PDB file of N, CA and C in Angstrom:
ATOM      1  N   UNK A   1       4.854  13.847 -23.218  1.00  0.00           N
ATOM      2  CA  UNK A   1       3.542  12.524 -23.662  1.00  0.00           C
ATOM      3  C   UNK A   1       4.235  11.643 -22.615  1.00  0.00           C
ATOM      4  N   UNK A   2       5.424  11.265 -22.148  1.00  0.00           N
ATOM      5  CA  UNK A   2       6.198  10.879 -21.464  1.00  0.00           C
ATOM      6  C   UNK A   2       5.790  10.743 -20.239  1.00  0.00           C
ATOM      7  N   UNK A   3       6.031  11.985 -19.371  1.00  0.00           N
ATOM      8  CA  UNK A   3       4.969  12.612 -17.936  1.00  0.00           C
ATOM      9  C   UNK A   3       3.542  12.059 -18.015  1.00  0.00           C
ATOM     10  N   UNK A   4       2.913  11.571 -18.852  1.00  0.00           N
ATOM     11  CA  UNK A   4       1.742  11.375 -19.193  1.00  0.00           C
ATOM     12  C   UNK A   4       1.249   9.771 -18.875  1.00  0.00           C
ATOM     13  N   UNK A   5       2.124   9.452 -19.147  1.00  0.00           N
ATOM     14  CA  UNK A   5       2.385   7.992 -19.453  1.00  0.00           C
ATOM     15  C   UNK A   5       2.940   7.324 -17.881  1.00  0.00           C
ATOM     16  N   UNK A   6       4.551   7.981 -17.188  1.00  0.00           N
ATOM     17  CA  UNK A   6       4.620   8.095 -16.307  1.00  0.00           C
ATOM     18  C   UNK A   6       3.545   8.400 -14.963  1.00  0.00           C
ATOM     19  N   UNK A   7       2.803   9.381 -15.471  1.00  0.00           N
ATOM     20  CA  UNK A   7       1.848   9.268 -14.489  1.00  0.00           C
ATOM     21  C   UNK A   7       0.913   8.688 -14.262  1.00  0.00           C
ATOM     22  N   UNK A   8       0.220   8.256 -15.037  1.00  0.00           N
ATOM     23  CA  UNK A   8      -1.230   6.788 -15.551  1.00  0.00           C
ATOM     24  C   UNK A   8       0.043   5.633 -14.754  1.00  0.00           C
ATOM     25  N   UNK A   9       1.066   5.369 -15.126  1.00  0.00           N
ATOM     26  CA  UNK A   9       1.693   4.248 -14.322  1.00  0.00           C
ATOM     27  C   UNK A   9       1.728   4.136 -13.065  1.00  0.00           C
ATOM     28  N   UNK A  10       2.517   5.887 -12.243  1.00  0.00           N
ATOM     29  CA  UNK A  10       2.498   6.217 -11.197  1.00  0.00           C
ATOM     30  C   UNK A  10       1.294   5.618 -10.388  1.00  0.00           C
ATOM     31  N   UNK A  11       0.220   6.422 -11.118  1.00  0.00           N
ATOM     32  CA  UNK A  11      -0.636   6.112 -10.312  1.00  0.00           C
ATOM     33  C   UNK A  11      -1.416   4.833  -9.814  1.00  0.00           C
ATOM     34  N   UNK A  12      -1.449   4.217 -11.038  1.00  0.00           N
ATOM     35  CA  UNK A  12      -2.299   3.085 -11.298  1.00  0.00           C
ATOM     36  C   UNK A  12      -1.581   2.182  -9.862  1.00  0.00           C
ATOM     37  N   UNK A  13       0.159   1.986 -10.240  1.00  0.00           N
ATOM     38  CA  UNK A  13       0.865   1.672  -9.025  1.00  0.00           C
ATOM     39  C   UNK A  13       0.539   1.284  -8.052  1.00  0.00           C
ATOM     40  N   UNK A  14       0.416   2.911  -7.237  1.00  0.00           N
ATOM     41  CA  UNK A  14       0.464   4.036  -6.792  1.00  0.00           C
ATOM     42  C   UNK A  14      -0.964   3.402  -5.563  1.00  0.00           C
ATOM     43  N   UNK A  15      -2.280   3.282  -6.648  1.00  0.00           N
ATOM     44  CA  UNK A  15      -3.226   3.159  -6.177  1.00  0.00           C
ATOM     45  C   UNK A  15      -3.749   1.185  -5.638  1.00  0.00           C
ATOM     46  N   UNK A  16      -3.238   0.915  -6.382  1.00  0.00           N
ATOM     47  CA  UNK A  16      -3.293  -0.567  -6.397  1.00  0.00           C
ATOM     48  C   UNK A  16      -2.516  -1.038  -4.962  1.00  0.00           C
ATOM     49  N   UNK A  17      -0.908  -0.348  -4.862  1.00  0.00           N
ATOM     50  CA  UNK A  17      -0.173  -0.642  -3.037  1.00  0.00           C
ATOM     51  C   UNK A  17      -0.609  -0.129  -2.370  1.00  0.00           C
ATOM     52  N   UNK A  18      -1.963   0.717  -2.184  1.00  0.00           N
ATOM     53  CA  UNK A  18      -2.493   1.270  -1.013  1.00  0.00           C
ATOM     54  C   UNK A  18      -3.559   0.514  -0.695  1.00  0.00           C
ATOM     55  N   UNK A  19      -4.207   0.145  -2.218  1.00  0.00           N
ATOM     56  CA  UNK A  19      -5.420  -1.209  -1.641  1.00  0.00           C
ATOM     57  C   UNK A  19      -5.031  -2.194  -0.884  1.00  0.00           C
ATOM     58  N   UNK A  20      -3.862  -3.000  -1.508  1.00  0.00           N
ATOM     59  CA  UNK A  20      -3.829  -3.847  -1.339  1.00  0.00           C
ATOM     60  C   UNK A  20      -3.211  -4.306   0.602  1.00  0.00           C
ATOM     61  N   UNK A  21      -2.180  -2.939   0.364  1.00  0.00           N
ATOM     62  CA  UNK A  21      -1.506  -2.559   1.742  1.00  0.00           C
ATOM     63  C   UNK A  21      -3.151  -2.588   3.234  1.00  0.00           C
ATOM     64  N   UNK A  22      -4.097  -1.877   2.639  1.00  0.00           N
ATOM     65  CA  UNK A  22      -4.936  -1.685   3.265  1.00  0.00           C
ATOM     66  C   UNK A  22      -5.850  -2.782   3.682  1.00  0.00           C
ATOM     67  N   UNK A  23      -6.182  -3.521   2.823  1.00  0.00           N
ATOM     68  CA  UNK A  23      -7.115  -4.631   2.829  1.00  0.00           C
ATOM     69  C   UNK A  23      -5.895  -5.819   3.434  1.00  0.00           C
ATOM     70  N   UNK A  24      -4.980  -5.398   3.348  1.00  0.00           N
ATOM     71  CA  UNK A  24      -4.041  -6.606   4.394  1.00  0.00           C
ATOM     72  C   UNK A  24      -3.957  -6.246   5.698  1.00  0.00           C
ATOM     73  N   UNK A  25      -4.064  -4.895   6.142  1.00  0.00           N
ATOM     74  CA  UNK A  25      -3.878  -4.458   7.661  1.00  0.00           C
ATOM     75  C   UNK A  25      -5.782  -4.568   7.856  1.00  0.00           C
ATOM     76  N   UNK A  26      -6.051  -4.434   7.246  1.00  0.00           N
ATOM     77  CA  UNK A  26      -7.655  -4.603   7.401  1.00  0.00           C
ATOM     78  C   UNK A  26      -7.868  -6.332   7.724  1.00  0.00           C
ATOM     79  N   UNK A  27      -7.404  -7.186   7.075  1.00  0.00           N
ATOM     80  CA  UNK A  27      -7.702  -8.336   7.539  1.00  0.00           C
ATOM     81  C   UNK A  27      -6.661  -8.937   8.908  1.00  0.00           C
ATOM     82  N   UNK A  28      -5.909  -8.169   9.442  1.00  0.00           N
ATOM     83  CA  UNK A  28      -5.183  -8.532  10.126  1.00  0.00           C
ATOM     84  C   UNK A  28      -5.971  -7.693  11.259  1.00  0.00           C
ATOM     85  N   UNK A  29      -5.962  -7.200  11.674  1.00  0.00           N
ATOM     86  CA  UNK A  29      -7.181  -6.725  12.505  1.00  0.00           C
ATOM     87  C   UNK A  29      -8.396  -7.208  12.835  1.00  0.00           C
ATOM     88  N   UNK A  30      -9.444  -7.697  11.952  1.00  0.00           N
ATOM     89  CA  UNK A  30     -10.090  -8.094  11.547  1.00  0.00           C
ATOM     90  C   UNK A  30     -10.121  -9.982  12.206  1.00  0.00           C
ATOM     91  N   UNK A  31      -9.163  -9.988  12.126  1.00  0.00           N
ATOM     92  CA  UNK A  31      -9.009 -12.222  12.010  1.00  0.00           C
ATOM     93  C   UNK A  31      -8.264 -11.584  13.270  1.00  0.00           C
ATOM     94  N   UNK A  32      -8.200 -10.943  14.080  1.00  0.00           N
ATOM     95  CA  UNK A  32      -6.903 -10.469  15.438  1.00  0.00           C
ATOM     96  C   UNK A  32      -8.358 -10.627  16.619  1.00  0.00           C
ATOM     97  N   UNK A  33      -9.575  -9.889  16.129  1.00  0.00           N
ATOM     98  CA  UNK A  33     -10.163  -9.902  17.316  1.00  0.00           C
ATOM     99  C   UNK A  33     -11.396 -11.143  16.969  1.00  0.00           C
ATOM    100  N   UNK A  34     -11.459 -11.228  15.734  1.00  0.00           N
ATOM    101  CA  UNK A  34     -12.588 -12.419  15.370  1.00  0.00           C
ATOM    102  C   UNK A  34     -12.185 -13.721  15.661  1.00  0.00           C
ATOM    103  N   UNK A  35     -10.516 -14.311  15.668  1.00  0.00           N
ATOM    104  CA  UNK A  35     -10.558 -14.999  16.570  1.00  0.00           C
ATOM    105  C   UNK A  35      -9.369 -15.237  17.680  1.00  0.00           C
ATOM    106  N   UNK A  36      -9.395 -14.564  18.248  1.00  0.00           N
ATOM    107  CA  UNK A  36      -8.794 -14.187  19.656  1.00  0.00           C
ATOM    108  C   UNK A  36      -7.667 -15.542  20.460  1.00  0.00           C
ATOM    109  N   UNK A  37      -9.191 -16.520  20.571  1.00  0.00           N
ATOM    110  CA  UNK A  37      -8.718 -18.004  21.555  1.00  0.00           C
ATOM    111  C   UNK A  37      -9.442 -18.915  20.479  1.00  0.00           C
ATOM    112  N   UNK A  38      -9.981 -19.257  19.442  1.00  0.00           N
ATOM    113  CA  UNK A  38     -10.699 -19.620  18.532  1.00  0.00           C
ATOM    114  C   UNK A  38      -9.936 -20.601  18.100  1.00  0.00           C
ATOM    115  N   UNK A  39      -8.993 -19.960  17.453  1.00  0.00           N
ATOM    116  CA  UNK A  39      -8.485 -20.306  15.907  1.00  0.00           C
ATOM    117  C   UNK A  39      -7.297 -19.562  15.979  1.00  0.00           C
ATOM    118  N   UNK A  40      -5.449 -20.358  16.744  1.00  0.00           N
ATOM    119  CA  UNK A  40      -4.811 -19.377  16.791  1.00  0.00           C
ATOM    120  C   UNK A  40      -3.883 -19.617  15.484  1.00  0.00           C
ATOM    121  N   UNK A  41      -4.039 -19.945  14.999  1.00  0.00           N
ATOM    122  CA  UNK A  41      -2.725 -20.428  13.145  1.00  0.00           C
ATOM    123  C   UNK A  41      -3.175 -18.825  12.468  1.00  0.00           C
ATOM    124  N   UNK A  42      -4.710 -18.566  12.403  1.00  0.00           N
ATOM    125  CA  UNK A  42      -5.669 -17.809  11.983  1.00  0.00           C
ATOM    126  C   UNK A  42      -4.819 -16.468  12.406  1.00  0.00           C
ATOM    127  N   UNK A  43      -4.989 -15.980  13.774  1.00  0.00           N
ATOM    128  CA  UNK A  43      -4.484 -15.243  14.345  1.00  0.00           C
ATOM    129  C   UNK A  43      -2.592 -15.170  13.957  1.00  0.00           C
ATOM    130  N   UNK A  44      -2.197 -15.956  13.630  1.00  0.00           N
ATOM    131  CA  UNK A  44      -0.589 -15.219  13.534  1.00  0.00           C
ATOM    132  C   UNK A  44      -0.558 -15.017  11.828  1.00  0.00           C
ATOM    133  N   UNK A  45      -1.552 -15.899  10.678  1.00  0.00           N
ATOM    134  CA  UNK A  45      -1.496 -14.882   9.886  1.00  0.00           C
ATOM    135  C   UNK A  45      -2.117 -13.742  10.138  1.00  0.00           C
ATOM    136  N   UNK A  46      -3.130 -13.651  10.831  1.00  0.00           N
ATOM    137  CA  UNK A  46      -3.385 -12.085  11.013  1.00  0.00           C
ATOM    138  C   UNK A  46      -2.368 -11.087  11.351  1.00  0.00           C
ATOM    139  N   UNK A  47      -1.465 -11.333  12.317  1.00  0.00           N
ATOM    140  CA  UNK A  47      -1.188 -10.940  12.547  1.00  0.00           C
ATOM    141  C   UNK A  47       0.328  -9.905  11.411  1.00  0.00           C
ATOM    142  N   UNK A  48       0.513 -11.019  11.015  1.00  0.00           N
ATOM    143  CA  UNK A  48       1.031 -11.475   9.987  1.00  0.00           C
ATOM    144  C   UNK A  48       1.518 -10.017   8.507  1.00  0.00           C
ATOM    145  N   UNK A  49      -0.073 -10.582   8.849  1.00  0.00           N
ATOM    146  CA  UNK A  49      -0.706  -9.653   6.876  1.00  0.00           C
ATOM    147  C   UNK A  49      -1.018  -8.225   7.248  1.00  0.00           C
ATOM    148  N   UNK A  50      -0.888  -7.682   8.758  1.00  0.00           N
ATOM    149  CA  UNK A  50      -1.232  -6.576   9.571  1.00  0.00           C
ATOM    150  C   UNK A  50      -0.178  -5.884   9.139  1.00  0.00           C
ATOM    151  N   UNK A  51       0.972  -6.777   9.510  1.00  0.00           N
ATOM    152  CA  UNK A  51       2.625  -5.724   9.938  1.00  0.00           C
ATOM    153  C   UNK A  51       2.857  -5.749   8.389  1.00  0.00           C
ATOM    154  N   UNK A  52       2.943  -6.428   7.350  1.00  0.00           N
ATOM    155  CA  UNK A  52       2.951  -6.275   5.970  1.00  0.00           C
ATOM    156  C   UNK A  52       3.002  -5.636   5.408  1.00  0.00           C
ATOM    157  N   UNK A  53       1.626  -5.520   5.772  1.00  0.00           N
ATOM    158  CA  UNK A  53       0.305  -4.334   4.851  1.00  0.00           C
ATOM    159  C   UNK A  53       0.438  -2.738   5.180  1.00  0.00           C
ATOM    160  N   UNK A  54       1.284  -2.552   6.397  1.00  0.00           N
ATOM    161  CA  UNK A  54       1.456  -1.221   6.882  1.00  0.00           C
ATOM    162  C   UNK A  54       2.465  -0.640   5.749  1.00  0.00           C
ATOM    163  N   UNK A  55       4.069  -1.468   5.932  1.00  0.00           N
ATOM    164  CA  UNK A  55       4.962  -1.039   5.011  1.00  0.00           C
ATOM    165  C   UNK A  55       4.713  -0.772   3.201  1.00  0.00           C
ATOM    166  N   UNK A  56       3.311  -1.773   3.050  1.00  0.00           N
ATOM    167  CA  UNK A  56       3.359  -2.136   1.261  1.00  0.00           C
ATOM    168  C   UNK A  56       1.998  -0.147   1.837  1.00  0.00           C
ATOM    169  N   UNK A  57       1.533  -0.596   2.085  1.00  0.00           N
ATOM    170  CA  UNK A  57      -0.139   1.032   1.711  1.00  0.00           C
ATOM    171  C   UNK A  57       1.292   2.137   2.384  1.00  0.00           C
ATOM    172  N   UNK A  58       2.629   1.932   2.556  1.00  0.00           N
ATOM    173  CA  UNK A  58       3.501   3.499   3.011  1.00  0.00           C
ATOM    174  C   UNK A  58       4.317   3.574   2.104  1.00  0.00           C
ATOM    175  N   UNK A  59       4.620   2.841   0.232  1.00  0.00           N
ATOM    176  CA  UNK A  59       5.077   2.356   0.225  1.00  0.00           C
ATOM    177  C   UNK A  59       3.866   2.903  -0.980  1.00  0.00           C
ATOM    178  N   UNK A  60       2.987   2.447  -1.215  1.00  0.00           N
ATOM    179  CA  UNK A  60       1.966   3.036  -1.928  1.00  0.00           C
ATOM    180  C   UNK A  60       1.862   4.644  -2.304  1.00  0.00           C
ATOM    181  N   UNK A  61       1.736   5.122  -0.943  1.00  0.00           N
ATOM    182  CA  UNK A  61       1.483   6.651  -0.701  1.00  0.00           C
ATOM    183  C   UNK A  61       2.683   7.424  -0.640  1.00  0.00           C
ATOM    184  N   UNK A  62       4.099   6.707  -1.093  1.00  0.00           N
ATOM    185  CA  UNK A  62       5.188   7.392  -1.291  1.00  0.00           C
ATOM    186  C   UNK A  62       5.389   7.614  -2.990  1.00  0.00           C
ATOM    187  N   UNK A  63       4.847   6.076  -3.318  1.00  0.00           N
ATOM    188  CA  UNK A  63       4.787   6.588  -4.809  1.00  0.00           C
ATOM    189  C   UNK A  63       3.890   7.467  -5.781  1.00  0.00           C
ATOM    190  N   UNK A  64       2.871   7.528  -4.491  1.00  0.00           N
ATOM    191  CA  UNK A  64       1.566   8.808  -5.165  1.00  0.00           C
ATOM    192  C   UNK A  64       2.433  10.004  -5.035  1.00  0.00           C
ATOM    193  N   UNK A  65       3.571  10.168  -4.039  1.00  0.00           N
ATOM    194  CA  UNK A  65       3.566  11.824  -3.217  1.00  0.00           C
ATOM    195  C   UNK A  65       4.317  11.889  -4.813  1.00  0.00           C
ATOM    196  N   UNK A  66       5.216  10.520  -4.604  1.00  0.00           N
ATOM    197  CA  UNK A  66       6.592  11.319  -6.109  1.00  0.00           C
ATOM    198  C   UNK A  66       6.113  11.617  -6.984  1.00  0.00           C
ATOM    199  N   UNK A  67       5.136  10.279  -7.912  1.00  0.00           N
ATOM    200  CA  UNK A  67       4.670  10.609  -8.634  1.00  0.00           C
ATOM    201  C   UNK A  67       3.665  12.321  -8.884  1.00  0.00           C
ATOM    202  N   UNK A  68       3.368  13.116  -7.964  1.00  0.00           N
ATOM    203  CA  UNK A  68       2.814  14.054  -7.958  1.00  0.00           C
ATOM    204  C   UNK A  68       3.485  14.912  -7.935  1.00  0.00           C
ATOM    205  N   UNK A  69       4.474  14.709  -7.229  1.00  0.00           N
ATOM    206  CA  UNK A  69       5.915  15.974  -7.055  1.00  0.00           C
ATOM    207  C   UNK A  69       6.348  16.057  -9.366  1.00  0.00           C
ATOM    208  N   UNK A  70       6.837  14.969  -9.125  1.00  0.00           N
ATOM    209  CA  UNK A  70       6.899  14.560 -10.892  1.00  0.00           C
ATOM    210  C   UNK A  70       6.214  15.377 -11.794  1.00  0.00           C
ATOM    211  N   UNK A  71       5.202  15.375 -11.742  1.00  0.00           N
ATOM    212  CA  UNK A  71       3.958  15.868 -12.679  1.00  0.00           C
ATOM    213  C   UNK A  71       3.227  17.218 -12.109  1.00  0.00           C
ATOM    214  N   UNK A  72       3.978  17.962 -11.450  1.00  0.00           N
ATOM    215  CA  UNK A  72       3.888  19.236 -11.040  1.00  0.00           C
ATOM    216  C   UNK A  72       5.152  20.262 -11.263  1.00  0.00           C
ATOM    217  N   UNK A  73       5.970  19.513 -11.684  1.00  0.00           N
ATOM    218  CA  UNK A  73       7.362  19.843 -11.705  1.00  0.00           C
ATOM    219  C   UNK A  73       8.242  19.932 -10.968  1.00  0.00           C
ATOM    220  N   UNK A  74       7.484  20.009  -9.783  1.00  0.00           N
ATOM    221  CA  UNK A  74       8.556  19.775  -8.502  1.00  0.00           C
ATOM    222  C   UNK A  74       9.895  19.132  -8.670  1.00  0.00           C
ATOM    223  N   UNK A  75       9.941  17.866  -9.381  1.00  0.00           N
ATOM    224  CA  UNK A  75      11.040  17.572  -8.875  1.00  0.00           C
ATOM    225  C   UNK A  75      11.138  16.728 -10.558  1.00  0.00           C
ATOM    226  N   UNK A  76      12.111  15.737 -10.597  1.00  0.00           N
ATOM    227  CA  UNK A  76      12.391  15.169 -11.572  1.00  0.00           C
ATOM    228  C   UNK A  76      12.410  14.044 -11.797  1.00  0.00           C
ATOM    229  N   UNK A  77      12.460  12.831 -13.018  1.00  0.00           N
ATOM    230  CA  UNK A  77      12.275  11.445 -12.529  1.00  0.00           C
ATOM    231  C   UNK A  77      13.491  10.674 -13.190  1.00  0.00           C
ATOM    232  N   UNK A  78      14.336  11.395 -13.098  1.00  0.00           N
ATOM    233  CA  UNK A  78      15.555  10.815 -13.727  1.00  0.00           C
ATOM    234  C   UNK A  78      17.031  11.474 -12.516  1.00  0.00           C
ATOM    235  N   UNK A  79      16.424  11.832 -11.579  1.00  0.00           N
ATOM    236  CA  UNK A  79      17.662  12.281 -10.910  1.00  0.00           C
ATOM    237  C   UNK A  79      18.370  11.106  -9.997  1.00  0.00           C
TER     238      UNK A  79
END
């Protein structure tokens, strides 16, 4: 039972982190190209969100991979 609870929580956290990171990266790319010269302030926010979104997406992928390894029995969660 604990295995399924941990799996469910891990999937939710991993998917939310991935979606949030991908949205930040997409916002960064769009704001960088849309506001190349018009609004430098939004361009700066876009660059920051792009570089913050990459590690968040990587963290989400890492959480999902660890969760999958735990559920399949290749790794234990208390190591």
